[in-house]
Amino acid sequence: MVIDSELANYLREKGVTKAAWSDDGAPLNPVKFPIAGLETQGAILFADLPGYSELSQRLEPMECACLTSHFFAWFEGSAGLCVWRHRR
């Protein structure tokens, strides 16, 4: 499979562990494109912030970004403290 793109070159340099072809789902003349990625271990946090949707409609985009950044910084600090206490 030959993939010509900056992303493909980056993934090739980093060691692509998964590669495939997909299409855009169009019934006539679907466009095929490469999908490639790296396998890694990680975690995903799904957080429901009560009232966030309503609040985000009143705030500017930068204010929303700051609000969520502060929340996740607090969360990361709290999680780190829990791990530290658990390891003691």
N, C-alpha and C. Protein backbone atom coordinates (compact mmCIF):
# COMPACT_ATOMS: atom_id res chain seq x y z
N MET A 1 0.85 -1.17 0.00
CA MET A 1 0.00 0.00 0.00
C MET A 1 0.90 1.24 0.00
N VAL A 2 0.70 2.13 -0.95
CA VAL A 2 1.46 3.37 -1.03
C VAL A 2 0.56 4.50 -0.59
N ILE A 3 0.99 5.23 0.42
CA ILE A 3 0.22 6.35 0.95
C ILE A 3 1.09 7.58 0.85
N ASP A 4 0.67 8.59 0.10
CA ASP A 4 1.44 9.81 -0.04
C ASP A 4 0.77 10.94 0.72
N SER A 5 1.29 11.25 1.88
CA SER A 5 0.81 12.39 2.66
C SER A 5 1.78 12.61 3.81
N GLU A 6 1.73 13.79 4.37
CA GLU A 6 2.59 14.08 5.51
C GLU A 6 2.25 13.17 6.69
N LEU A 7 0.96 12.94 6.91
CA LEU A 7 0.56 12.06 8.00
C LEU A 7 1.09 10.65 7.78
N ALA A 8 0.97 10.17 6.55
CA ALA A 8 1.45 8.82 6.25
C ALA A 8 2.95 8.72 6.48
N ASN A 9 3.68 9.74 6.06
CA ASN A 9 5.14 9.72 6.28
C ASN A 9 5.46 9.72 7.77
N TYR A 10 4.74 10.53 8.54
CA TYR A 10 4.95 10.57 9.98
C TYR A 10 4.68 9.20 10.60
N LEU A 11 3.55 8.59 10.23
CA LEU A 11 3.21 7.29 10.78
C LEU A 11 4.22 6.23 10.37
N ARG A 12 4.69 6.31 9.13
CA ARG A 12 5.71 5.35 8.67
C ARG A 12 6.98 5.48 9.52
N GLU A 13 7.39 6.73 9.79
CA GLU A 13 8.58 6.97 10.61
C GLU A 13 8.39 6.45 12.02
N LYS A 14 7.17 6.59 12.56
CA LYS A 14 6.89 6.18 13.93
C LYS A 14 6.57 4.70 14.05
N GLY A 15 6.34 4.04 12.91
CA GLY A 15 6.05 2.61 12.95
C GLY A 15 4.57 2.31 12.94
N VAL A 16 3.94 2.42 11.80
CA VAL A 16 2.52 2.14 11.66
C VAL A 16 2.24 0.71 12.10
N THR A 17 1.25 0.54 12.96
CA THR A 17 0.90 -0.80 13.40
C THR A 17 -0.42 -1.27 12.80
N LYS A 18 -1.20 -0.37 12.27
CA LYS A 18 -2.47 -0.72 11.62
C LYS A 18 -2.60 0.11 10.35
N ALA A 19 -2.98 -0.51 9.27
CA ALA A 19 -3.19 0.22 8.02
C ALA A 19 -4.31 -0.43 7.24
N ALA A 20 -5.12 0.38 6.59
CA ALA A 20 -6.24 -0.13 5.80
C ALA A 20 -6.68 0.95 4.83
N TRP A 21 -7.60 0.58 3.96
CA TRP A 21 -8.21 1.54 3.04
C TRP A 21 -9.68 1.63 3.37
N SER A 22 -10.24 2.81 3.22
CA SER A 22 -11.67 3.00 3.42
C SER A 22 -12.18 3.88 2.29
N ASP A 23 -13.48 4.14 2.28
CA ASP A 23 -14.03 5.08 1.31
C ASP A 23 -15.02 5.99 2.02
N ASP A 24 -15.43 7.03 1.31
CA ASP A 24 -16.29 8.04 1.93
C ASP A 24 -17.76 7.64 1.99
N GLY A 25 -18.10 6.44 1.52
CA GLY A 25 -19.46 5.95 1.60
C GLY A 25 -20.39 6.44 0.51
N ALA A 26 -19.87 7.23 -0.42
CA ALA A 26 -20.72 7.73 -1.51
C ALA A 26 -21.17 6.56 -2.38
N PRO A 27 -22.46 6.50 -2.75
CA PRO A 27 -22.93 5.38 -3.56
C PRO A 27 -22.36 5.40 -4.99
N LEU A 28 -22.11 6.59 -5.53
CA LEU A 28 -21.53 6.71 -6.87
C LEU A 28 -20.12 7.27 -6.75
N ASN A 29 -19.17 6.65 -7.35
CA ASN A 29 -17.78 7.10 -7.35
C ASN A 29 -17.23 7.38 -5.95
N PRO A 30 -17.26 6.41 -5.07
CA PRO A 30 -16.71 6.65 -3.73
C PRO A 30 -15.21 6.96 -3.80
N VAL A 31 -14.78 7.85 -2.96
CA VAL A 31 -13.37 8.22 -2.89
C VAL A 31 -12.69 7.33 -1.86
N LYS A 32 -11.64 6.63 -2.28
CA LYS A 32 -10.89 5.78 -1.35
C LYS A 32 -9.79 6.59 -0.70
N PHE A 33 -9.55 6.33 0.59
CA PHE A 33 -8.47 7.01 1.30
C PHE A 33 -7.86 6.05 2.31
N PRO A 34 -6.58 6.28 2.63
CA PRO A 34 -5.91 5.38 3.57
C PRO A 34 -6.25 5.72 5.02
N ILE A 35 -6.28 4.71 5.83
CA ILE A 35 -6.42 4.88 7.28
C ILE A 35 -5.23 4.18 7.90
N ALA A 36 -4.51 4.87 8.73
CA ALA A 36 -3.34 4.27 9.38
C ALA A 36 -3.23 4.82 10.79
N GLY A 37 -2.64 4.06 11.66
CA GLY A 37 -2.51 4.51 13.04
C GLY A 37 -1.48 3.71 13.80
N LEU A 38 -1.27 4.11 15.02
CA LEU A 38 -0.34 3.46 15.93
C LEU A 38 -1.12 2.84 17.06
N GLU A 39 -0.76 1.63 17.45
CA GLU A 39 -1.36 1.04 18.64
C GLU A 39 -0.59 1.53 19.85
N THR A 40 -1.31 1.93 20.86
CA THR A 40 -0.68 2.40 22.08
C THR A 40 -1.63 2.15 23.24
N GLN A 41 -1.11 2.20 24.44
CA GLN A 41 -1.97 2.08 25.61
C GLN A 41 -2.33 3.48 26.08
N GLY A 42 -3.54 3.65 26.52
CA GLY A 42 -3.97 4.95 26.98
C GLY A 42 -5.31 4.84 27.69
N ALA A 43 -5.81 5.98 28.05
CA ALA A 43 -7.10 6.04 28.74
C ALA A 43 -7.91 7.17 28.15
N ILE A 44 -9.22 7.03 28.21
CA ILE A 44 -10.12 8.07 27.73
C ILE A 44 -11.05 8.43 28.88
N LEU A 45 -11.22 9.71 29.08
CA LEU A 45 -12.12 10.19 30.12
C LEU A 45 -13.35 10.78 29.45
N PHE A 46 -14.51 10.24 29.78
CA PHE A 46 -15.77 10.83 29.36
C PHE A 46 -16.34 11.53 30.59
N ALA A 47 -16.50 12.83 30.49
CA ALA A 47 -16.97 13.60 31.65
C ALA A 47 -18.22 14.37 31.28
N ASP A 48 -19.24 14.25 32.11
CA ASP A 48 -20.46 15.02 31.93
C ASP A 48 -20.39 16.19 32.89
N LEU A 49 -20.25 17.37 32.35
CA LEU A 49 -20.19 18.57 33.18
C LEU A 49 -21.59 19.17 33.23
N PRO A 50 -22.30 19.03 34.36
CA PRO A 50 -23.68 19.52 34.44
C PRO A 50 -23.77 21.00 34.10
N GLY A 51 -24.69 21.33 33.22
CA GLY A 51 -24.92 22.71 32.84
C GLY A 51 -23.96 23.26 31.80
N TYR A 52 -23.02 22.43 31.32
CA TYR A 52 -22.00 22.93 30.41
C TYR A 52 -22.58 23.38 29.06
N SER A 53 -23.53 22.63 28.53
CA SER A 53 -24.11 23.00 27.22
C SER A 53 -24.74 24.38 27.28
N GLU A 54 -25.54 24.61 28.31
CA GLU A 54 -26.18 25.92 28.45
C GLU A 54 -25.15 27.01 28.68
N LEU A 55 -24.17 26.74 29.53
CA LEU A 55 -23.13 27.73 29.82
C LEU A 55 -22.30 28.04 28.58
N SER A 56 -21.97 27.02 27.79
CA SER A 56 -21.13 27.23 26.62
C SER A 56 -21.82 28.09 25.56
N GLN A 57 -23.14 28.13 25.58
CA GLN A 57 -23.86 28.98 24.63
C GLN A 57 -23.74 30.46 25.00
N ARG A 58 -23.48 30.74 26.27
CA ARG A 58 -23.35 32.13 26.72
C ARG A 58 -21.91 32.63 26.69
N LEU A 59 -20.94 31.71 26.72
CA LEU A 59 -19.53 32.10 26.79
C LEU A 59 -18.89 32.21 25.42
N GLU A 60 -17.81 32.95 25.36
CA GLU A 60 -16.99 33.02 24.15
C GLU A 60 -16.20 31.72 24.03
N PRO A 61 -15.79 31.34 22.83
CA PRO A 61 -15.03 30.08 22.65
C PRO A 61 -13.80 29.99 23.55
N MET A 62 -13.06 31.09 23.71
CA MET A 62 -11.86 31.06 24.56
C MET A 62 -12.23 30.84 26.02
N GLU A 63 -13.36 31.40 26.44
CA GLU A 63 -13.80 31.19 27.82
C GLU A 63 -14.16 29.72 28.05
N CYS A 64 -14.80 29.09 27.06
CA CYS A 64 -15.12 27.65 27.15
C CYS A 64 -13.84 26.83 27.23
N ALA A 65 -12.87 27.18 26.41
CA ALA A 65 -11.60 26.44 26.42
C ALA A 65 -10.91 26.58 27.77
N CYS A 66 -10.91 27.78 28.33
CA CYS A 66 -10.29 27.99 29.65
C CYS A 66 -11.03 27.21 30.73
N LEU A 67 -12.35 27.24 30.68
CA LEU A 67 -13.16 26.53 31.68
C LEU A 67 -12.86 25.04 31.65
N THR A 68 -12.88 24.44 30.47
CA THR A 68 -12.62 23.01 30.39
C THR A 68 -11.17 22.68 30.73
N SER A 69 -10.24 23.56 30.34
CA SER A 69 -8.83 23.33 30.70
C SER A 69 -8.64 23.33 32.21
N HIS A 70 -9.30 24.27 32.88
CA HIS A 70 -9.20 24.32 34.36
C HIS A 70 -9.82 23.08 34.98
N PHE A 71 -10.96 22.63 34.45
CA PHE A 71 -11.59 21.43 34.98
C PHE A 71 -10.66 20.23 34.85
N PHE A 72 -10.09 20.04 33.65
CA PHE A 72 -9.24 18.88 33.43
C PHE A 72 -7.93 18.99 34.20
N ALA A 73 -7.42 20.20 34.42
CA ALA A 73 -6.23 20.38 35.26
C ALA A 73 -6.55 19.96 36.70
N TRP A 74 -7.73 20.38 37.19
CA TRP A 74 -8.15 19.98 38.53
C TRP A 74 -8.30 18.47 38.61
N PHE A 75 -8.96 17.91 37.59
CA PHE A 75 -9.19 16.46 37.57
C PHE A 75 -7.87 15.71 37.55
N GLU A 76 -6.94 16.15 36.70
CA GLU A 76 -5.63 15.49 36.61
C GLU A 76 -4.89 15.56 37.95
N GLY A 77 -4.96 16.71 38.60
CA GLY A 77 -4.32 16.85 39.91
C GLY A 77 -4.96 15.95 40.95
N SER A 78 -6.28 15.88 40.95
CA SER A 78 -6.98 15.02 41.90
C SER A 78 -6.69 13.55 41.64
N ALA A 79 -6.67 13.16 40.37
CA ALA A 79 -6.38 11.77 40.03
C ALA A 79 -4.96 11.42 40.43
N GLY A 80 -4.03 12.34 40.18
CA GLY A 80 -2.63 12.10 40.56
C GLY A 80 -2.48 11.93 42.06
N LEU A 81 -3.23 12.71 42.83
CA LEU A 81 -3.19 12.61 44.28
C LEU A 81 -3.72 11.26 44.73
N CYS A 82 -4.80 10.78 44.08
CA CYS A 82 -5.35 9.46 44.43
C CYS A 82 -4.34 8.35 44.15
N VAL A 83 -3.68 8.43 43.00
CA VAL A 83 -2.67 7.42 42.66
C VAL A 83 -1.53 7.48 43.65
N TRP A 84 -1.09 8.69 44.02
CA TRP A 84 0.01 8.85 44.97
C TRP A 84 -0.37 8.23 46.32
N ARG A 85 -1.59 8.49 46.79
CA ARG A 85 -2.04 7.93 48.07
C ARG A 85 -2.13 6.41 47.98
N HIS A 86 -2.59 5.89 46.85
CA HIS A 86 -2.73 4.45 46.68
C HIS A 86 -1.38 3.73 46.70
N ARG A 87 -0.36 4.36 46.14
CA ARG A 87 0.97 3.73 46.04
C ARG A 87 1.75 3.79 47.35
N ARG A 88 1.33 4.61 48.29
CA ARG A 88 2.07 4.74 49.56
C ARG A 88 1.93 3.54 50.43
